[in-house]
Amino acid sequence: MKKVCLLPTLLAIILVFAACSIHVPWEVLNDYDGVRVVMRVTPDDADVLLNGRFIGAAYEYAAAGLALRLASRENELVFRKKGYREKVVDLHSYPSSRITLKFELAPASASAPEEPAAPASDEEQAYEAQSEPLPPLPAEQPAQPAERFLTQVSLTVTPEETAVYIDNRFWGLAAAKAMFLRLPPGKYIFAAFKPGFTPFSKEIAIPKQEKFDLEITLKK
């Protein structure tokens, strides 16, 4: 009878030690159920930056089914559009894990109008009349900014709820369907982690093309 009674105690001790040996990133431990952010922003084509990295336009996250999925509220969003003031949102200030951002970007303030020049005196007008007018200076053409090319990356991660990192920055939790990201062409380090699975980390080159499919599967 004593051996039978000791069996549950031994199992409990083994489970405690096994739990202590699992390393989980702090982003996953903090609010593990995840955070979903819906963005109903005007104008809806404003650029969205997550912790300083471009992740797409606001309209891509405007519905509940398209909400941005994050592991915690320890993140910052920035909304930018030419001709409007930048909007910074600290998700840590929101108490709920279901966040709906609804606001309108303020137009950038117009520059102050130039004051009219004072009328010239009679002597100045007489002198200008005797002088030959100078030829107008050629107008300088403003430099056109180089067009930014972005590749649409269809990222599929198995299993669901896997924490995804890009260049050592937490990107979000993997959904059941593919996640669509827009990234400039180049090399990135993709990493994925979920307790109970072998961590994944690999440098992947994103080509300069319209669409690129990327699949990550963790092994038990």
C-alpha atoms as a PDB file:
ATOM      1  CA  MET A   1       0.000   0.000   0.000  1.00  0.00           C
ATOM      2  CA  LYS A   2       2.887   2.408   0.776  1.00  0.00           C
ATOM      3  CA  LYS A   3       4.360   1.928  -2.732  1.00  0.00           C
ATOM      4  CA  VAL A   4       0.999   2.718  -4.326  1.00  0.00           C
ATOM      5  CA  CYS A   5       0.632   5.923  -2.248  1.00  0.00           C
ATOM      6  CA  LEU A   6       4.129   7.119  -3.186  1.00  0.00           C
ATOM      7  CA  LEU A   7       3.476   6.809  -6.936  1.00  0.00           C
ATOM      8  CA  PRO A   8       1.357  10.028  -7.293  1.00  0.00           C
ATOM      9  CA  THR A   9       3.986  11.954  -5.279  1.00  0.00           C
ATOM     10  CA  LEU A  10       6.812  10.781  -7.553  1.00  0.00           C
ATOM     11  CA  LEU A  11       4.807  11.717 -10.659  1.00  0.00           C
ATOM     12  CA  ALA A  12       4.154  15.195  -9.281  1.00  0.00           C
ATOM     13  CA  ILE A  13       7.893  15.732  -8.598  1.00  0.00           C
ATOM     14  CA  ILE A  14       8.783  14.610 -12.151  1.00  0.00           C
ATOM     15  CA  LEU A  15       6.251  17.030 -13.669  1.00  0.00           C
ATOM     16  CA  VAL A  16       7.601  19.940 -11.606  1.00  0.00           C
ATOM     17  CA  PHE A  17      11.182  19.301 -12.760  1.00  0.00           C
ATOM     18  CA  ALA A  18      10.060  18.913 -16.383  1.00  0.00           C
ATOM     19  CA  ALA A  19       8.167  22.234 -16.270  1.00  0.00           C
ATOM     20  CA  CYS A  20      11.197  24.026 -14.829  1.00  0.00           C
ATOM     21  CA  SER A  21      13.413  22.737 -17.654  1.00  0.00           C
ATOM     22  CA  ILE A  22      11.245  24.294 -20.413  1.00  0.00           C
ATOM     23  CA  HIS A  23      12.418  27.730 -21.537  1.00  0.00           C
ATOM     24  CA  VAL A  24       9.653  30.033 -22.778  1.00  0.00           C
ATOM     25  CA  PRO A  25      10.395  33.570 -24.057  1.00  0.00           C
ATOM     26  CA  TRP A  26       9.054  36.387 -21.893  1.00  0.00           C
ATOM     27  CA  GLU A  27       6.827  37.554 -24.734  1.00  0.00           C
ATOM     28  CA  VAL A  28       4.989  34.224 -24.590  1.00  0.00           C
ATOM     29  CA  LEU A  29       4.826  34.069 -20.800  1.00  0.00           C
ATOM     30  CA  ASN A  30       3.352  37.552 -20.593  1.00  0.00           C
ATOM     31  CA  ASP A  31      -0.291  37.303 -21.630  1.00  0.00           C
ATOM     32  CA  TYR A  32       0.097  33.881 -23.271  1.00  0.00           C
ATOM     33  CA  ASP A  33      -3.453  33.918 -24.619  1.00  0.00           C
ATOM     34  CA  GLY A  34      -2.238  36.515 -27.099  1.00  0.00           C
ATOM     35  CA  VAL A  35      -3.261  40.003 -28.153  1.00  0.00           C
ATOM     36  CA  ARG A  36      -5.313  40.813 -31.228  1.00  0.00           C
ATOM     37  CA  VAL A  37      -5.220  44.327 -32.665  1.00  0.00           C
ATOM     38  CA  VAL A  38      -7.816  45.592 -35.171  1.00  0.00           C
ATOM     39  CA  MET A  39      -6.850  48.819 -36.976  1.00  0.00           C
ATOM     40  CA  ARG A  40      -9.647  51.053 -38.239  1.00  0.00           C
ATOM     41  CA  VAL A  41      -7.521  54.002 -39.212  1.00  0.00           C
ATOM     42  CA  THR A  42      -8.231  56.885 -41.590  1.00  0.00           C
ATOM     43  CA  PRO A  43      -6.658  57.022 -44.134  1.00  0.00           C
ATOM     44  CA  ASP A  44      -6.676  53.237 -44.263  1.00  0.00           C
ATOM     45  CA  ASP A  45      -3.600  52.990 -46.512  1.00  0.00           C
ATOM     46  CA  ALA A  46      -1.299  54.446 -43.845  1.00  0.00           C
ATOM     47  CA  ASP A  47       1.915  52.473 -43.289  1.00  0.00           C
ATOM     48  CA  VAL A  48       2.067  50.407 -40.077  1.00  0.00           C
ATOM     49  CA  LEU A  49       5.358  49.817 -38.246  1.00  0.00           C
ATOM     50  CA  LEU A  50       5.654  47.252 -35.447  1.00  0.00           C
ATOM     51  CA  ASN A  51       8.579  48.073 -33.134  1.00  0.00           C
ATOM     52  CA  GLY A  52      10.174  50.071 -35.940  1.00  0.00           C
ATOM     53  CA  ARG A  53       9.644  47.480 -38.722  1.00  0.00           C
ATOM     54  CA  PHE A  54       7.179  47.953 -41.591  1.00  0.00           C
ATOM     55  CA  ILE A  55       4.436  45.278 -41.577  1.00  0.00           C
ATOM     56  CA  GLY A  56       1.916  46.584 -44.132  1.00  0.00           C
ATOM     57  CA  ALA A  57      -0.969  49.012 -44.495  1.00  0.00           C
ATOM     58  CA  ALA A  58      -3.683  49.691 -41.905  1.00  0.00           C
ATOM     59  CA  TYR A  59      -6.479  48.271 -44.095  1.00  0.00           C
ATOM     60  CA  GLU A  60      -4.796  44.841 -43.971  1.00  0.00           C
ATOM     61  CA  TYR A  61      -5.735  44.632 -40.266  1.00  0.00           C
ATOM     62  CA  ALA A  62      -9.115  46.397 -40.381  1.00  0.00           C
ATOM     63  CA  ALA A  63     -11.332  43.362 -39.663  1.00  0.00           C
ATOM     64  CA  ALA A  64     -11.535  40.980 -36.725  1.00  0.00           C
ATOM     65  CA  GLY A  65     -10.435  38.064 -38.922  1.00  0.00           C
ATOM     66  CA  LEU A  66      -7.405  40.058 -40.103  1.00  0.00           C
ATOM     67  CA  ALA A  67      -6.355  41.312 -36.655  1.00  0.00           C
ATOM     68  CA  LEU A  68      -2.639  41.580 -35.896  1.00  0.00           C
ATOM     69  CA  ARG A  69      -1.767  38.737 -33.498  1.00  0.00           C
ATOM     70  CA  LEU A  70       0.888  39.382 -30.855  1.00  0.00           C
ATOM     71  CA  ALA A  71       2.076  37.456 -27.827  1.00  0.00           C
ATOM     72  CA  SER A  72       1.824  40.424 -25.453  1.00  0.00           C
ATOM     73  CA  ARG A  73       1.088  44.130 -25.186  1.00  0.00           C
ATOM     74  CA  GLU A  74       4.801  44.935 -24.844  1.00  0.00           C
ATOM     75  CA  ASN A  75       4.857  46.343 -28.380  1.00  0.00           C
ATOM     76  CA  GLU A  76       4.643  49.714 -30.125  1.00  0.00           C
ATOM     77  CA  LEU A  77       2.807  50.590 -33.330  1.00  0.00           C
ATOM     78  CA  VAL A  78       3.534  53.617 -35.516  1.00  0.00           C
ATOM     79  CA  PHE A  79       1.202  54.872 -38.279  1.00  0.00           C
ATOM     80  CA  ARG A  80       2.701  56.993 -41.072  1.00  0.00           C
ATOM     81  CA  LYS A  81       1.468  58.565 -44.293  1.00  0.00           C
ATOM     82  CA  LYS A  82       2.867  61.407 -46.342  1.00  0.00           C
ATOM     83  CA  GLY A  83       0.953  64.613 -45.657  1.00  0.00           C
ATOM     84  CA  TYR A  84      -0.207  63.448 -42.186  1.00  0.00           C
ATOM     85  CA  ARG A  85       1.222  63.568 -38.692  1.00  0.00           C
ATOM     86  CA  GLU A  86       2.777  60.364 -37.364  1.00  0.00           C
ATOM     87  CA  LYS A  87       0.740  58.490 -34.741  1.00  0.00           C
ATOM     88  CA  VAL A  88       2.488  56.360 -32.084  1.00  0.00           C
ATOM     89  CA  VAL A  89       0.465  53.775 -30.129  1.00  0.00           C
ATOM     90  CA  ASP A  90       1.904  52.002 -27.062  1.00  0.00           C
ATOM     91  CA  LEU A  91      -0.125  48.795 -26.691  1.00  0.00           C
ATOM     92  CA  HIS A  92       1.071  48.422 -23.077  1.00  0.00           C
ATOM     93  CA  SER A  93      -1.368  51.182 -22.068  1.00  0.00           C
ATOM     94  CA  TYR A  94      -4.387  49.086 -23.149  1.00  0.00           C
ATOM     95  CA  PRO A  95      -5.788  46.817 -20.396  1.00  0.00           C
ATOM     96  CA  SER A  96      -7.577  44.379 -22.730  1.00  0.00           C
ATOM     97  CA  SER A  97      -6.049  41.719 -24.969  1.00  0.00           C
ATOM     98  CA  ARG A  98      -8.633  42.551 -27.685  1.00  0.00           C
ATOM     99  CA  ILE A  99      -7.691  46.012 -28.940  1.00  0.00           C
ATOM    100  CA  THR A 100      -9.476  48.053 -31.609  1.00  0.00           C
ATOM    101  CA  LEU A 101      -7.615  51.161 -32.743  1.00  0.00           C
ATOM    102  CA  LYS A 102     -10.026  53.682 -34.261  1.00  0.00           C
ATOM    103  CA  PHE A 103      -8.709  57.143 -35.072  1.00  0.00           C
ATOM    104  CA  GLU A 104      -7.985  59.566 -37.903  1.00  0.00           C
ATOM    105  CA  LEU A 105      -4.480  60.799 -38.669  1.00  0.00           C
ATOM    106  CA  ALA A 106      -4.190  64.574 -38.374  1.00  0.00           C
ATOM    107  CA  PRO A 107      -3.072  66.391 -41.538  1.00  0.00           C
ATOM    108  CA  ALA A 108       0.397  67.854 -41.390  1.00  0.00           C
ATOM    109  CA  SER A 109       0.322  71.575 -40.559  1.00  0.00           C
ATOM    110  CA  ALA A 110       0.741  73.771 -43.630  1.00  0.00           C
ATOM    111  CA  SER A 111       3.767  76.051 -43.694  1.00  0.00           C
ATOM    112  CA  ALA A 112       3.185  79.665 -42.675  1.00  0.00           C
ATOM    113  CA  PRO A 113       2.511  82.006 -45.650  1.00  0.00           C
ATOM    114  CA  GLU A 114       5.344  84.285 -46.596  1.00  0.00           C
ATOM    115  CA  GLU A 115       4.984  87.963 -45.631  1.00  0.00           C
ATOM    116  CA  PRO A 116       4.612  90.335 -48.609  1.00  0.00           C
ATOM    117  CA  ALA A 117       7.740  92.301 -49.403  1.00  0.00           C
ATOM    118  CA  ALA A 118       7.772  96.004 -48.527  1.00  0.00           C
ATOM    119  CA  PRO A 119       7.273  98.314 -51.509  1.00  0.00           C
ATOM    120  CA  ALA A 120      10.513  99.683 -52.939  1.00  0.00           C
ATOM    121  CA  SER A 121      11.335 103.385 -52.553  1.00  0.00           C
ATOM    122  CA  ASP A 122      11.372 105.787 -55.510  1.00  0.00           C
ATOM    123  CA  GLU A 123      15.195 105.680 -55.665  1.00  0.00           C
ATOM    124  CA  GLU A 124      15.248 101.871 -55.739  1.00  0.00           C
ATOM    125  CA  GLN A 125      12.587 101.794 -58.460  1.00  0.00           C
ATOM    126  CA  ALA A 126      14.579 104.303 -60.560  1.00  0.00           C
ATOM    127  CA  TYR A 127      17.766 102.269 -60.169  1.00  0.00           C
ATOM    128  CA  GLU A 128      16.018  99.057 -61.132  1.00  0.00           C
ATOM    129  CA  ALA A 129      14.557 100.737 -64.199  1.00  0.00           C
ATOM    130  CA  GLN A 130      18.036 101.709 -65.413  1.00  0.00           C
ATOM    131  CA  SER A 131      19.457  98.207 -64.863  1.00  0.00           C
ATOM    132  CA  GLU A 132      18.965  95.313 -67.222  1.00  0.00           C
ATOM    133  CA  PRO A 133      16.881  92.527 -65.685  1.00  0.00           C
ATOM    134  CA  LEU A 134      18.824  89.433 -64.711  1.00  0.00           C
ATOM    135  CA  PRO A 135      17.878  86.198 -66.494  1.00  0.00           C
ATOM    136  CA  PRO A 136      15.785  83.893 -64.322  1.00  0.00           C
ATOM    137  CA  LEU A 137      17.623  81.074 -62.620  1.00  0.00           C
ATOM    138  CA  PRO A 138      16.735  77.583 -63.883  1.00  0.00           C
ATOM    139  CA  ALA A 139      14.242  75.908 -61.607  1.00  0.00           C
ATOM    140  CA  GLU A 140      15.723  72.972 -59.744  1.00  0.00           C
ATOM    141  CA  GLN A 141      13.764  69.804 -60.177  1.00  0.00           C
ATOM    142  CA  PRO A 142      13.170  68.122 -56.808  1.00  0.00           C
ATOM    143  CA  ALA A 143      14.811  64.755 -56.503  1.00  0.00           C
ATOM    144  CA  GLN A 144      12.293  61.968 -56.888  1.00  0.00           C
ATOM    145  CA  PRO A 145      12.492  59.436 -54.064  1.00  0.00           C
ATOM    146  CA  ALA A 146      13.324  55.938 -55.159  1.00  0.00           C
ATOM    147  CA  GLU A 147      10.270  53.703 -55.290  1.00  0.00           C
ATOM    148  CA  ARG A 148      10.280  51.151 -52.493  1.00  0.00           C
ATOM    149  CA  PHE A 149       9.761  47.593 -53.688  1.00  0.00           C
ATOM    150  CA  LEU A 150       8.104  45.194 -51.263  1.00  0.00           C
ATOM    151  CA  THR A 151       7.684  41.457 -51.683  1.00  0.00           C
ATOM    152  CA  GLN A 152       4.448  39.929 -50.403  1.00  0.00           C
ATOM    153  CA  VAL A 153       5.521  36.959 -48.271  1.00  0.00           C
ATOM    154  CA  SER A 154       2.950  34.248 -47.556  1.00  0.00           C
ATOM    155  CA  LEU A 155       4.228  32.734 -44.296  1.00  0.00           C
ATOM    156  CA  THR A 156       2.728  29.435 -43.111  1.00  0.00           C
ATOM    157  CA  VAL A 157       3.880  28.150 -39.706  1.00  0.00           C
ATOM    158  CA  THR A 158       2.975  24.784 -38.180  1.00  0.00           C
ATOM    159  CA  PRO A 159       1.809  24.316 -35.452  1.00  0.00           C
ATOM    160  CA  GLU A 160      -0.580  27.164 -34.690  1.00  0.00           C
ATOM    161  CA  GLU A 161       0.241  29.674 -31.914  1.00  0.00           C
ATOM    162  CA  THR A 162       3.989  29.406 -32.635  1.00  0.00           C
ATOM    163  CA  ALA A 163       5.985  32.513 -31.701  1.00  0.00           C
ATOM    164  CA  VAL A 164       7.651  33.930 -34.820  1.00  0.00           C
ATOM    165  CA  TYR A 165      10.772  36.118 -34.820  1.00  0.00           C
ATOM    166  CA  ILE A 166      12.331  38.016 -37.744  1.00  0.00           C
ATOM    167  CA  ASP A 167      15.885  39.319 -37.262  1.00  0.00           C
ATOM    168  CA  ASN A 168      15.628  38.608 -33.511  1.00  0.00           C
ATOM    169  CA  ARG A 169      12.494  40.775 -33.180  1.00  0.00           C
ATOM    170  CA  PHE A 170       9.216  39.235 -32.074  1.00  0.00           C
ATOM    171  CA  TRP A 171       6.756  39.395 -34.981  1.00  0.00           C
ATOM    172  CA  GLY A 172       3.660  37.643 -33.633  1.00  0.00           C
ATOM    173  CA  LEU A 173       1.923  34.310 -33.063  1.00  0.00           C
ATOM    174  CA  ALA A 174       1.265  32.079 -36.055  1.00  0.00           C
ATOM    175  CA  ALA A 175      -2.380  31.783 -37.048  1.00  0.00           C
ATOM    176  CA  ALA A 176      -4.154  28.751 -38.452  1.00  0.00           C
ATOM    177  CA  LYS A 177      -3.999  30.339 -41.918  1.00  0.00           C
ATOM    178  CA  ALA A 178      -1.040  31.857 -43.728  1.00  0.00           C
ATOM    179  CA  MET A 179       0.249  35.243 -42.561  1.00  0.00           C
ATOM    180  CA  PHE A 180       0.884  37.833 -45.269  1.00  0.00           C
ATOM    181  CA  LEU A 181       3.898  40.102 -44.757  1.00  0.00           C
ATOM    182  CA  ARG A 182       5.383  42.757 -47.016  1.00  0.00           C
ATOM    183  CA  LEU A 183       9.183  42.905 -46.765  1.00  0.00           C
ATOM    184  CA  PRO A 184      11.908  44.626 -48.781  1.00  0.00           C
ATOM    185  CA  PRO A 185      14.011  42.074 -50.703  1.00  0.00           C
ATOM    186  CA  GLY A 186      17.029  40.860 -48.740  1.00  0.00           C
ATOM    187  CA  LYS A 187      18.236  38.302 -46.202  1.00  0.00           C
ATOM    188  CA  TYR A 188      16.357  37.804 -42.918  1.00  0.00           C
ATOM    189  CA  ILE A 189      16.791  35.423 -39.996  1.00  0.00           C
ATOM    190  CA  PHE A 190      13.467  33.657 -39.394  1.00  0.00           C
ATOM    191  CA  ALA A 191      13.046  31.918 -36.034  1.00  0.00           C
ATOM    192  CA  ALA A 192      10.081  30.077 -34.531  1.00  0.00           C
ATOM    193  CA  PHE A 193       9.488  28.704 -31.027  1.00  0.00           C
ATOM    194  CA  LYS A 194       6.787  26.769 -29.225  1.00  0.00           C
ATOM    195  CA  PRO A 195       7.132  24.727 -26.008  1.00  0.00           C
ATOM    196  CA  GLY A 196       7.411  21.024 -26.743  1.00  0.00           C
ATOM    197  CA  PHE A 197       8.855  21.524 -30.253  1.00  0.00           C
ATOM    198  CA  THR A 198      12.399  21.877 -31.584  1.00  0.00           C
ATOM    199  CA  PRO A 199      13.206  25.600 -32.116  1.00  0.00           C
ATOM    200  CA  PHE A 200      13.678  26.771 -35.718  1.00  0.00           C
ATOM    201  CA  SER A 201      16.205  29.373 -36.881  1.00  0.00           C
ATOM    202  CA  LYS A 202      17.421  29.957 -40.443  1.00  0.00           C
ATOM    203  CA  GLU A 203      18.615  32.780 -42.679  1.00  0.00           C
ATOM    204  CA  ILE A 204      16.264  33.081 -45.654  1.00  0.00           C
ATOM    205  CA  ALA A 205      16.691  35.347 -48.692  1.00  0.00           C
ATOM    206  CA  ILE A 206      13.522  37.161 -49.762  1.00  0.00           C
ATOM    207  CA  PRO A 207      13.716  37.622 -53.560  1.00  0.00           C
ATOM    208  CA  LYS A 208      12.660  40.734 -55.459  1.00  0.00           C
ATOM    209  CA  GLN A 209       9.376  39.479 -56.851  1.00  0.00           C
ATOM    210  CA  GLU A 210       5.680  40.103 -56.355  1.00  0.00           C
ATOM    211  CA  LYS A 211       4.929  37.035 -54.182  1.00  0.00           C
ATOM    212  CA  PHE A 212       7.004  34.535 -52.204  1.00  0.00           C
ATOM    213  CA  ASP A 213       5.750  31.480 -50.269  1.00  0.00           C
ATOM    214  CA  LEU A 214       7.538  30.446 -47.083  1.00  0.00           C
ATOM    215  CA  GLU A 215       6.634  27.436 -44.907  1.00  0.00           C
ATOM    216  CA  ILE A 216       8.064  26.672 -41.449  1.00  0.00           C
ATOM    217  CA  THR A 217       7.232  23.380 -39.707  1.00  0.00           C
ATOM    218  CA  LEU A 218       8.421  22.650 -36.175  1.00  0.00           C
ATOM    219  CA  LYS A 219       9.233  19.105 -35.159  1.00  0.00           C
ATOM    220  CA  LYS A 220       8.247  17.499 -31.872  1.00  0.00           C
END
